[in-house]
Every structure is written in structure tokens, then in C-alpha cells.
Amino acid sequence: MRKEIREKIMPYAETEYRDFSAALVPGAKPLLGVRLPKLRAIAKELAKGDWRREVDSAQGNYADIYFEEIMLRGMIIGYGTAKKDVTKEEGIRYLNDFVPMIADWSVCDSFCNSFTFANKYRDAVWESLQNYLYSNKEFEVRAALILLLSQYLKYDSANKKMVRNKNVTMTALEKSSKNTERSAAVKLQFPYIDKILSILNRPFTQGYYAQMAAAWLLAETFVCFPYEVHEMIANDCQMDNWTYNKAIQKIRESLNVDLETKKYIKKYKK
């Protein structure tokens, strides 16, 4: 970030918050201790102006020294690329510029949740994510998976966001003509579901944070589309055992899955 931006965030640094956060975000750049709501407010303010100037300056004297600077950069890209004047090519360029900079889960997840540009050019962004989904780098894989979770999983073909199931029961998992017909309709309405499940149906060996993202995504997919995920895990799921079992654990911890279904899902643990 430019020196002026660094000086803008410095007054909001809190020593105690820095020390607390440092333990939660291993691998991050040095922390100042600025709280995320304040960074979001600053990012929104900067995004109103010449936001490209801020995020195009990633080298030399403008390199990001602190965790908060890289976090701010991701937020500005998220808010900036959401604007109507941003072209498909430009937004994808900013995505590809930023993902390799990600080195911790906090920056990763914050950026992915703010990158609503994907809602405007879903197919094009999907194609750009393929290299990251199959990368050997831990945080490239995590970034792509969290983008699937935040910007793809719950959106239908009309770009409308679905409401999560509040109570998943055994009825939703049963092999029946009703569920089979419903699943066929779901796959038409949500064209990325099969693609997401196909991506998840493989081993994840890139590291802990990639594995946790894959487990989280599968568990959340189960809450949204229980029949489809049950079909996957009941038919020789190819996930590595650690990631797979973590996903089963997360399903069983969900407040949206009833007790009977949690007990049943446990039998699939490897």
C-alpha cells in the first residue's frame, strides 16, 4: 500500500488485539492489530475513488508490509470490481493478481466473501478458478474452494441465492422417485452442483487449510443439497480420509441436521 494508506490505518492499531490475532492467523504478515470492521470501512471509502491506483501498486515502495495492508488490498479489489464499469477481463485480472498473494486463511476468506464480481461473470470466473482448484499450493486451492462456497454453491441459474435447509432429515436422503426427480430438477436449477461435487470427489494433499476448506465446502453442500451429497459419500467417495472424516464431523456438528441423520451419517466415517 502507499505510504499515505499505511499511515491512515496505523492510528487504529491495538496492541492487545494484535497479540490475540497473531495466534489465530499463522503464516500471516506482521500484524498491526486493526480490527476488520475498521478495515472494511476504509476499503469502502477508498473504493469510492481511484481504487485501481491502490491495488495496482503492489511492488517496490508500495509493497504490502503488514497483514492489514494485504487484507485491505483484497477488500478494495472486492468492492472495486463489483462496480458496473469493470469489464470481465479486468475483474479476472485482479483475481489472478491477488490469489497468489494470499498466505493465510483470514485474508483468503475475507477476499473470497467480498469478491462478488463472480456473480456477474460466473462462467468466466469459474474457468479462471480451475488452475487454482488443481494447484499444488495450499492457499490457491483454499481460495478457489472458498470462492465456490461463497459465490457459487447457493446461487441458481437466475443468480438468485437460495435459503439453506433449516432441518435436514433422513427423508431427504432416501432413495425414492420423489428425491430422484427433485435432484434432477435441482441440477437444472443449480448448474454448478455436479461440478462442485466432482471437484470435491478427490484427495486433497496440499495442506491443512486446503483440506479444511474442502471439508467445510462438502459439509455446507450437504446442508443445501443433502440427497446429492449422500449419493456421493455412499458411493466410494475419493476424498482423502482426513478431509473426508473432517467433512463428516462438520456435518454432524451442524445445527441444521437432525439427530437421527447425524447418527446415520456417522456410519460413513472411514
C-alpha atoms as a PDB file:
ATOM      1  CA  MET A   1       0.000   0.000   0.000  1.00  0.00           C
ATOM      2  CA  ARG A   2       1.029   3.582  -0.486  1.00  0.00           C
ATOM      3  CA  LYS A   3       2.675   5.276   2.475  1.00  0.00           C
ATOM      4  CA  GLU A   4      -0.396   7.517   2.867  1.00  0.00           C
ATOM      5  CA  ILE A   5      -2.684   4.491   3.225  1.00  0.00           C
ATOM      6  CA  ARG A   6      -0.339   2.823   5.687  1.00  0.00           C
ATOM      7  CA  GLU A   7      -0.359   6.000   7.769  1.00  0.00           C
ATOM      8  CA  LYS A   8      -4.151   6.084   7.549  1.00  0.00           C
ATOM      9  CA  ILE A   9      -4.568   2.673   9.204  1.00  0.00           C
ATOM     10  CA  MET A  10      -1.755   2.979  11.780  1.00  0.00           C
ATOM     11  CA  PRO A  11      -3.795   5.041  14.311  1.00  0.00           C
ATOM     12  CA  TYR A  12      -6.320   2.199  14.611  1.00  0.00           C
ATOM     13  CA  ALA A  13      -3.731  -0.373  15.672  1.00  0.00           C
ATOM     14  CA  GLU A  14      -4.355  -2.082  19.023  1.00  0.00           C
ATOM     15  CA  THR A  15      -1.509  -3.946  20.725  1.00  0.00           C
ATOM     16  CA  GLU A  16      -3.713  -6.407  22.629  1.00  0.00           C
ATOM     17  CA  TYR A  17      -5.800  -7.177  19.560  1.00  0.00           C
ATOM     18  CA  ARG A  18      -2.616  -7.666  17.525  1.00  0.00           C
ATOM     19  CA  ASP A  19      -1.255 -10.198  20.003  1.00  0.00           C
ATOM     20  CA  PHE A  20      -4.584 -12.019  20.151  1.00  0.00           C
ATOM     21  CA  SER A  21      -4.966 -12.150  16.359  1.00  0.00           C
ATOM     22  CA  ALA A  22      -1.381 -13.224  15.682  1.00  0.00           C
ATOM     23  CA  ALA A  23      -2.021 -16.565  17.369  1.00  0.00           C
ATOM     24  CA  LEU A  24      -5.108 -17.164  15.219  1.00  0.00           C
ATOM     25  CA  VAL A  25      -3.528 -16.402  11.851  1.00  0.00           C
ATOM     26  CA  PRO A  26      -0.284 -18.383  11.464  1.00  0.00           C
ATOM     27  CA  GLY A  27       1.756 -17.542   8.401  1.00  0.00           C
ATOM     28  CA  ALA A  28       0.366 -14.019   8.101  1.00  0.00           C
ATOM     29  CA  LYS A  29       2.458 -10.920   7.530  1.00  0.00           C
ATOM     30  CA  PRO A  30       3.286  -8.889  10.680  1.00  0.00           C
ATOM     31  CA  LEU A  31       0.100  -7.568  12.265  1.00  0.00           C
ATOM     32  CA  LEU A  32      -0.699  -4.048  13.409  1.00  0.00           C
ATOM     33  CA  GLY A  33      -3.847  -5.025  15.271  1.00  0.00           C
ATOM     34  CA  VAL A  34      -6.504  -3.133  13.284  1.00  0.00           C
ATOM     35  CA  ARG A  35      -9.973  -4.630  13.587  1.00  0.00           C
ATOM     36  CA  LEU A  36     -11.682  -5.896  10.438  1.00  0.00           C
ATOM     37  CA  PRO A  37     -14.756  -3.596  10.614  1.00  0.00           C
ATOM     38  CA  LYS A  38     -12.425  -0.590  10.520  1.00  0.00           C
ATOM     39  CA  LEU A  39     -10.512  -2.051   7.556  1.00  0.00           C
ATOM     40  CA  ARG A  40     -13.790  -2.670   5.720  1.00  0.00           C
ATOM     41  CA  ALA A  41     -14.848   0.915   6.305  1.00  0.00           C
ATOM     42  CA  ILE A  42     -11.525   2.200   4.961  1.00  0.00           C
ATOM     43  CA  ALA A  43     -11.717  -0.163   1.969  1.00  0.00           C
ATOM     44  CA  LYS A  44     -15.223   1.040   1.102  1.00  0.00           C
ATOM     45  CA  GLU A  45     -14.059   4.642   1.332  1.00  0.00           C
ATOM     46  CA  LEU A  46     -11.058   4.001  -0.942  1.00  0.00           C
ATOM     47  CA  ALA A  47     -13.190   2.002  -3.392  1.00  0.00           C
ATOM     48  CA  LYS A  48     -15.301   5.106  -3.988  1.00  0.00           C
ATOM     49  CA  GLY A  49     -12.290   6.847  -5.502  1.00  0.00           C
ATOM     50  CA  ASP A  50      -9.468   5.682  -7.752  1.00  0.00           C
ATOM     51  CA  TRP A  51      -9.374   2.181  -6.295  1.00  0.00           C
ATOM     52  CA  ARG A  52      -7.317   0.836  -9.191  1.00  0.00           C
ATOM     53  CA  ARG A  53      -4.455   3.115  -8.148  1.00  0.00           C
ATOM     54  CA  GLU A  54      -4.354   1.429  -4.755  1.00  0.00           C
ATOM     55  CA  VAL A  55      -4.436  -2.187  -5.884  1.00  0.00           C
ATOM     56  CA  ASP A  56      -2.185  -1.773  -8.913  1.00  0.00           C
ATOM     57  CA  SER A  57       0.657  -0.664  -6.635  1.00  0.00           C
ATOM     58  CA  ALA A  58       1.902  -3.980  -5.283  1.00  0.00           C
ATOM     59  CA  GLN A  59       5.612  -3.657  -5.941  1.00  0.00           C
ATOM     60  CA  GLY A  60       8.575  -1.547  -4.877  1.00  0.00           C
ATOM     61  CA  ASN A  61       7.839   1.166  -2.326  1.00  0.00           C
ATOM     62  CA  TYR A  62       4.162   0.212  -2.395  1.00  0.00           C
ATOM     63  CA  ALA A  63       4.626  -3.421  -1.364  1.00  0.00           C
ATOM     64  CA  ASP A  64       2.408  -4.666   1.464  1.00  0.00           C
ATOM     65  CA  ILE A  65       4.374  -4.996   4.681  1.00  0.00           C
ATOM     66  CA  TYR A  66       1.579  -5.673   7.137  1.00  0.00           C
ATOM     67  CA  PHE A  67      -1.272  -8.162   7.327  1.00  0.00           C
ATOM     68  CA  GLU A  68      -3.756  -5.323   7.361  1.00  0.00           C
ATOM     69  CA  GLU A  69      -2.394  -3.976   4.084  1.00  0.00           C
ATOM     70  CA  ILE A  70      -2.851  -7.225   2.189  1.00  0.00           C
ATOM     71  CA  MET A  71      -6.282  -7.609   3.803  1.00  0.00           C
ATOM     72  CA  LEU A  72      -7.185  -4.079   2.726  1.00  0.00           C
ATOM     73  CA  ARG A  73      -5.949  -4.774  -0.803  1.00  0.00           C
ATOM     74  CA  GLY A  74      -8.259  -7.788  -1.083  1.00  0.00           C
ATOM     75  CA  MET A  75     -11.223  -5.836   0.261  1.00  0.00           C
ATOM     76  CA  ILE A  76     -10.638  -2.972  -2.167  1.00  0.00           C
ATOM     77  CA  ILE A  77     -10.486  -5.426  -5.067  1.00  0.00           C
ATOM     78  CA  GLY A  78     -13.740  -6.956  -3.878  1.00  0.00           C
ATOM     79  CA  TYR A  79     -15.571  -3.640  -3.609  1.00  0.00           C
ATOM     80  CA  GLY A  80     -13.911  -2.125  -6.680  1.00  0.00           C
ATOM     81  CA  THR A  81     -14.574  -4.977  -9.092  1.00  0.00           C
ATOM     82  CA  ALA A  82     -18.226  -5.018  -8.054  1.00  0.00           C
ATOM     83  CA  LYS A  83     -18.702  -1.711  -9.861  1.00  0.00           C
ATOM     84  CA  LYS A  84     -20.554  -1.622 -13.160  1.00  0.00           C
ATOM     85  CA  ASP A  85     -17.673  -0.183 -15.179  1.00  0.00           C
ATOM     86  CA  VAL A  86     -15.372  -3.168 -14.535  1.00  0.00           C
ATOM     87  CA  THR A  87     -15.027  -5.449 -17.549  1.00  0.00           C
ATOM     88  CA  LYS A  88     -14.879  -9.224 -17.427  1.00  0.00           C
ATOM     89  CA  GLU A  89     -11.208  -9.234 -18.405  1.00  0.00           C
ATOM     90  CA  GLU A  90     -10.301  -6.593 -15.839  1.00  0.00           C
ATOM     91  CA  GLY A  91     -12.023  -8.328 -12.949  1.00  0.00           C
ATOM     92  CA  ILE A  92     -10.395 -11.649 -13.759  1.00  0.00           C
ATOM     93  CA  ARG A  93      -7.016  -9.943 -13.977  1.00  0.00           C
ATOM     94  CA  TYR A  94      -7.425  -8.578 -10.460  1.00  0.00           C
ATOM     95  CA  LEU A  95      -8.478 -12.020  -9.245  1.00  0.00           C
ATOM     96  CA  ASN A  96      -5.391 -13.584 -10.796  1.00  0.00           C
ATOM     97  CA  ASP A  97      -3.158 -10.832  -9.437  1.00  0.00           C
ATOM     98  CA  PHE A  98      -4.386 -11.258  -5.883  1.00  0.00           C
ATOM     99  CA  VAL A  99      -4.825 -15.005  -5.327  1.00  0.00           C
ATOM    100  CA  PRO A 100      -1.054 -15.738  -5.438  1.00  0.00           C
ATOM    101  CA  MET A 101      -0.566 -13.075  -2.719  1.00  0.00           C
ATOM    102  CA  ILE A 102      -2.765 -14.973  -0.240  1.00  0.00           C
ATOM    103  CA  ALA A 103      -0.764 -16.643   2.531  1.00  0.00           C
ATOM    104  CA  ASP A 104      -3.247 -17.083   5.390  1.00  0.00           C
ATOM    105  CA  TRP A 105      -6.843 -18.199   5.910  1.00  0.00           C
ATOM    106  CA  SER A 106      -8.134 -14.840   7.151  1.00  0.00           C
ATOM    107  CA  VAL A 107      -7.114 -12.826   4.090  1.00  0.00           C
ATOM    108  CA  CYS A 108      -8.293 -15.702   1.905  1.00  0.00           C
ATOM    109  CA  ASP A 109     -11.801 -15.954   3.341  1.00  0.00           C
ATOM    110  CA  SER A 110     -12.342 -12.218   3.617  1.00  0.00           C
ATOM    111  CA  PHE A 111     -11.349 -11.667  -0.011  1.00  0.00           C
ATOM    112  CA  CYS A 112     -13.487 -14.540  -1.284  1.00  0.00           C
ATOM    113  CA  ASN A 113     -16.568 -13.336   0.573  1.00  0.00           C
ATOM    114  CA  SER A 114     -16.157  -9.845  -0.890  1.00  0.00           C
ATOM    115  CA  PHE A 115     -15.437 -10.917  -4.476  1.00  0.00           C
ATOM    116  CA  THR A 116     -18.999 -10.602  -5.742  1.00  0.00           C
ATOM    117  CA  PHE A 117     -17.630  -9.871  -9.221  1.00  0.00           C
ATOM    118  CA  ALA A 118     -18.060 -13.630  -9.702  1.00  0.00           C
ATOM    119  CA  ASN A 119     -21.830 -13.134  -9.627  1.00  0.00           C
ATOM    120  CA  LYS A 120     -21.613 -11.018 -12.797  1.00  0.00           C
ATOM    121  CA  TYR A 121     -19.322 -13.292 -14.810  1.00  0.00           C
ATOM    122  CA  ARG A 122     -19.826 -16.672 -13.212  1.00  0.00           C
ATOM    123  CA  ASP A 123     -18.744 -18.881 -16.121  1.00  0.00           C
ATOM    124  CA  ALA A 124     -15.633 -16.839 -16.895  1.00  0.00           C
ATOM    125  CA  VAL A 125     -14.532 -16.753 -13.249  1.00  0.00           C
ATOM    126  CA  TRP A 126     -15.194 -20.499 -12.989  1.00  0.00           C
ATOM    127  CA  GLU A 127     -12.770 -21.134 -15.831  1.00  0.00           C
ATOM    128  CA  SER A 128     -10.163 -18.938 -14.140  1.00  0.00           C
ATOM    129  CA  LEU A 129     -10.508 -20.915 -10.909  1.00  0.00           C
ATOM    130  CA  GLN A 130      -9.603 -24.248 -12.471  1.00  0.00           C
ATOM    131  CA  ASN A 131      -5.846 -23.680 -12.247  1.00  0.00           C
ATOM    132  CA  TYR A 132      -6.207 -22.795  -8.573  1.00  0.00           C
ATOM    133  CA  LEU A 133      -8.523 -25.701  -7.765  1.00  0.00           C
ATOM    134  CA  TYR A 134      -5.898 -28.131  -9.033  1.00  0.00           C
ATOM    135  CA  SER A 135      -2.854 -26.219  -7.861  1.00  0.00           C
ATOM    136  CA  ASN A 136      -0.243 -27.727  -5.550  1.00  0.00           C
ATOM    137  CA  LYS A 137      -0.261 -24.543  -3.461  1.00  0.00           C
ATOM    138  CA  GLU A 138      -2.291 -24.697  -0.274  1.00  0.00           C
ATOM    139  CA  PHE A 139      -3.820 -21.229  -0.312  1.00  0.00           C
ATOM    140  CA  GLU A 140      -4.518 -21.178  -4.033  1.00  0.00           C
ATOM    141  CA  VAL A 141      -6.635 -24.283  -3.539  1.00  0.00           C
ATOM    142  CA  ARG A 142      -8.295 -22.825  -0.456  1.00  0.00           C
ATOM    143  CA  ALA A 143      -9.079 -19.548  -2.217  1.00  0.00           C
ATOM    144  CA  ALA A 144     -10.739 -21.368  -5.110  1.00  0.00           C
ATOM    145  CA  LEU A 145     -12.758 -23.620  -2.775  1.00  0.00           C
ATOM    146  CA  ILE A 146     -13.929 -20.720  -0.603  1.00  0.00           C
ATOM    147  CA  LEU A 147     -14.955 -18.841  -3.744  1.00  0.00           C
ATOM    148  CA  LEU A 148     -17.076 -21.861  -4.697  1.00  0.00           C
ATOM    149  CA  LEU A 149     -18.583 -21.807  -1.230  1.00  0.00           C
ATOM    150  CA  SER A 150     -19.299 -18.082  -1.117  1.00  0.00           C
ATOM    151  CA  GLN A 151     -20.065 -17.238  -4.753  1.00  0.00           C
ATOM    152  CA  TYR A 152     -21.320 -20.447  -6.409  1.00  0.00           C
ATOM    153  CA  LEU A 153     -22.826 -23.071  -4.128  1.00  0.00           C
ATOM    154  CA  LYS A 154     -26.070 -21.326  -3.204  1.00  0.00           C
ATOM    155  CA  TYR A 155     -26.767 -19.420  -6.426  1.00  0.00           C
ATOM    156  CA  ASP A 156     -29.219 -20.726  -9.007  1.00  0.00           C
ATOM    157  CA  SER A 157     -29.243 -20.253 -12.770  1.00  0.00           C
ATOM    158  CA  ALA A 158     -31.047 -16.919 -12.332  1.00  0.00           C
ATOM    159  CA  ASN A 159     -28.316 -15.750  -9.926  1.00  0.00           C
ATOM    160  CA  LYS A 160     -30.729 -15.890  -7.008  1.00  0.00           C
ATOM    161  CA  LYS A 161     -29.321 -17.028  -3.660  1.00  0.00           C
ATOM    162  CA  MET A 162     -31.059 -19.980  -2.056  1.00  0.00           C
ATOM    163  CA  VAL A 163     -32.022 -20.294   1.595  1.00  0.00           C
ATOM    164  CA  ARG A 164     -30.209 -23.120   3.435  1.00  0.00           C
ATOM    165  CA  ASN A 165     -32.234 -26.044   4.724  1.00  0.00           C
ATOM    166  CA  LYS A 166     -33.054 -25.418   8.358  1.00  0.00           C
ATOM    167  CA  ASN A 167     -33.672 -29.062   9.208  1.00  0.00           C
ATOM    168  CA  VAL A 168     -32.098 -31.890   7.208  1.00  0.00           C
ATOM    169  CA  THR A 169     -33.806 -35.201   7.997  1.00  0.00           C
ATOM    170  CA  MET A 170     -33.448 -38.796   6.840  1.00  0.00           C
ATOM    171  CA  THR A 171     -36.321 -38.284   4.420  1.00  0.00           C
ATOM    172  CA  ALA A 172     -34.088 -36.030   2.321  1.00  0.00           C
ATOM    173  CA  LEU A 173     -31.530 -38.838   1.873  1.00  0.00           C
ATOM    174  CA  GLU A 174     -33.839 -41.695   0.941  1.00  0.00           C
ATOM    175  CA  LYS A 175     -33.719 -43.341  -2.462  1.00  0.00           C
ATOM    176  CA  SER A 176     -37.159 -42.568  -3.857  1.00  0.00           C
ATOM    177  CA  SER A 177     -38.747 -41.403  -7.077  1.00  0.00           C
ATOM    178  CA  LYS A 178     -39.611 -38.125  -5.383  1.00  0.00           C
ATOM    179  CA  ASN A 179     -35.998 -37.432  -4.377  1.00  0.00           C
ATOM    180  CA  THR A 180     -34.659 -38.599  -7.750  1.00  0.00           C
ATOM    181  CA  GLU A 181     -36.990 -36.254  -9.601  1.00  0.00           C
ATOM    182  CA  ARG A 182     -36.180 -33.444  -7.207  1.00  0.00           C
ATOM    183  CA  SER A 183     -32.450 -33.999  -7.702  1.00  0.00           C
ATOM    184  CA  ALA A 184     -32.809 -33.798 -11.478  1.00  0.00           C
ATOM    185  CA  ALA A 185     -34.675 -30.504 -11.101  1.00  0.00           C
ATOM    186  CA  VAL A 186     -32.101 -29.197  -8.632  1.00  0.00           C
ATOM    187  CA  LYS A 187     -29.251 -29.880 -11.048  1.00  0.00           C
ATOM    188  CA  LEU A 188     -31.022 -27.873 -13.723  1.00  0.00           C
ATOM    189  CA  GLN A 189     -31.711 -25.011 -11.344  1.00  0.00           C
ATOM    190  CA  PHE A 190     -28.240 -25.094  -9.768  1.00  0.00           C
ATOM    191  CA  PRO A 191     -25.891 -25.911 -12.673  1.00  0.00           C
ATOM    192  CA  TYR A 192     -22.713 -25.892 -10.592  1.00  0.00           C
ATOM    193  CA  ILE A 193     -23.705 -28.553  -8.056  1.00  0.00           C
ATOM    194  CA  ASP A 194     -22.428 -31.531 -10.042  1.00  0.00           C
ATOM    195  CA  LYS A 195     -19.260 -29.615 -10.885  1.00  0.00           C
ATOM    196  CA  ILE A 196     -18.609 -28.750  -7.240  1.00  0.00           C
ATOM    197  CA  LEU A 197     -19.160 -32.348  -6.126  1.00  0.00           C
ATOM    198  CA  SER A 198     -16.856 -33.592  -8.891  1.00  0.00           C
ATOM    199  CA  ILE A 199     -14.145 -31.191  -7.724  1.00  0.00           C
ATOM    200  CA  LEU A 200     -14.533 -32.365  -4.135  1.00  0.00           C
ATOM    201  CA  ASN A 201     -14.505 -36.057  -5.022  1.00  0.00           C
ATOM    202  CA  ARG A 202     -10.716 -36.386  -4.973  1.00  0.00           C
ATOM    203  CA  PRO A 203      -7.843 -36.381  -2.464  1.00  0.00           C
ATOM    204  CA  PHE A 204      -6.662 -33.070  -1.038  1.00  0.00           C
ATOM    205  CA  THR A 205      -2.986 -33.154  -0.116  1.00  0.00           C
ATOM    206  CA  GLN A 206      -1.959 -29.501  -0.450  1.00  0.00           C
ATOM    207  CA  GLY A 207      -2.065 -28.788   3.283  1.00  0.00           C
ATOM    208  CA  TYR A 208      -4.296 -28.264   6.297  1.00  0.00           C
ATOM    209  CA  TYR A 209      -6.052 -25.095   5.136  1.00  0.00           C
ATOM    210  CA  ALA A 210      -6.920 -26.553   1.732  1.00  0.00           C
ATOM    211  CA  GLN A 211      -8.242 -29.694   3.417  1.00  0.00           C
ATOM    212  CA  MET A 212     -10.325 -27.702   5.889  1.00  0.00           C
ATOM    213  CA  ALA A 213     -11.814 -25.671   3.040  1.00  0.00           C
ATOM    214  CA  ALA A 214     -12.758 -28.849   1.155  1.00  0.00           C
ATOM    215  CA  ALA A 215     -14.345 -30.349   4.286  1.00  0.00           C
ATOM    216  CA  TRP A 216     -16.225 -27.132   5.011  1.00  0.00           C
ATOM    217  CA  LEU A 217     -17.493 -26.918   1.434  1.00  0.00           C
ATOM    218  CA  LEU A 218     -18.707 -30.521   1.419  1.00  0.00           C
ATOM    219  CA  ALA A 219     -20.458 -30.111   4.783  1.00  0.00           C
ATOM    220  CA  GLU A 220     -22.175 -26.914   3.653  1.00  0.00           C
ATOM    221  CA  THR A 221     -23.164 -28.568   0.389  1.00  0.00           C
ATOM    222  CA  PHE A 222     -24.780 -31.348   2.418  1.00  0.00           C
ATOM    223  CA  VAL A 223     -26.925 -28.822   4.298  1.00  0.00           C
ATOM    224  CA  CYS A 224     -28.030 -27.265   0.999  1.00  0.00           C
ATOM    225  CA  PHE A 225     -28.251 -30.415  -1.135  1.00  0.00           C
ATOM    226  CA  PRO A 226     -28.354 -33.435   1.213  1.00  0.00           C
ATOM    227  CA  TYR A 227     -29.529 -36.015  -1.322  1.00  0.00           C
ATOM    228  CA  GLU A 228     -26.785 -35.199  -3.813  1.00  0.00           C
ATOM    229  CA  VAL A 229     -24.008 -35.286  -1.194  1.00  0.00           C
ATOM    230  CA  HIS A 230     -25.354 -38.512   0.294  1.00  0.00           C
ATOM    231  CA  GLU A 231     -25.155 -40.093  -3.154  1.00  0.00           C
ATOM    232  CA  MET A 232     -21.511 -39.063  -3.330  1.00  0.00           C
ATOM    233  CA  ILE A 233     -20.415 -40.320   0.086  1.00  0.00           C
ATOM    234  CA  ALA A 234     -22.426 -43.539  -0.223  1.00  0.00           C
ATOM    235  CA  ASN A 235     -20.716 -44.485  -3.474  1.00  0.00           C
ATOM    236  CA  ASP A 236     -16.984 -44.773  -2.845  1.00  0.00           C
ATOM    237  CA  CYS A 237     -16.064 -41.140  -2.233  1.00  0.00           C
ATOM    238  CA  GLN A 238     -12.493 -40.484  -3.387  1.00  0.00           C
ATOM    239  CA  MET A 239     -11.606 -37.790  -0.845  1.00  0.00           C
ATOM    240  CA  ASP A 240      -8.535 -38.465   1.269  1.00  0.00           C
ATOM    241  CA  ASN A 241      -9.518 -39.908   4.639  1.00  0.00           C
ATOM    242  CA  TRP A 242      -8.549 -36.890   6.747  1.00  0.00           C
ATOM    243  CA  THR A 243     -10.548 -34.388   4.694  1.00  0.00           C
ATOM    244  CA  TYR A 244     -13.452 -36.800   4.301  1.00  0.00           C
ATOM    245  CA  ASN A 245     -13.704 -37.520   8.019  1.00  0.00           C
ATOM    246  CA  LYS A 246     -13.456 -33.818   8.830  1.00  0.00           C
ATOM    247  CA  ALA A 247     -16.404 -33.213   6.472  1.00  0.00           C
ATOM    248  CA  ILE A 248     -18.406 -35.945   8.220  1.00  0.00           C
ATOM    249  CA  GLN A 249     -17.554 -34.323  11.552  1.00  0.00           C
ATOM    250  CA  LYS A 250     -18.714 -30.912  10.321  1.00  0.00           C
ATOM    251  CA  ILE A 251     -21.986 -32.380   9.028  1.00  0.00           C
ATOM    252  CA  ARG A 252     -22.588 -33.957  12.431  1.00  0.00           C
ATOM    253  CA  GLU A 253     -21.813 -30.666  14.189  1.00  0.00           C
ATOM    254  CA  SER A 254     -24.259 -28.699  12.046  1.00  0.00           C
ATOM    255  CA  LEU A 255     -27.265 -27.171  13.763  1.00  0.00           C
ATOM    256  CA  ASN A 256     -29.226 -27.726  10.532  1.00  0.00           C
ATOM    257  CA  VAL A 257     -29.035 -31.537  10.622  1.00  0.00           C
ATOM    258  CA  ASP A 258     -31.324 -33.505  12.915  1.00  0.00           C
ATOM    259  CA  LEU A 259     -30.055 -36.063  15.435  1.00  0.00           C
ATOM    260  CA  GLU A 260     -31.205 -39.144  13.531  1.00  0.00           C
ATOM    261  CA  THR A 261     -29.419 -38.016  10.383  1.00  0.00           C
ATOM    262  CA  LYS A 262     -26.245 -37.187  12.326  1.00  0.00           C
ATOM    263  CA  LYS A 263     -26.206 -40.706  13.776  1.00  0.00           C
ATOM    264  CA  TYR A 264     -26.745 -42.197  10.335  1.00  0.00           C
ATOM    265  CA  ILE A 265     -24.001 -40.116   8.690  1.00  0.00           C
ATOM    266  CA  LYS A 266     -21.521 -41.276  11.312  1.00  0.00           C
ATOM    267  CA  LYS A 267     -21.526 -44.752   9.757  1.00  0.00           C
ATOM    268  CA  TYR A 268     -19.732 -43.356   6.712  1.00  0.00           C
ATOM    269  CA  LYS A 269     -16.696 -42.306   8.701  1.00  0.00           C
ATOM    270  CA  LYS A 270     -13.543 -44.010   7.415  1.00  0.00           C
END
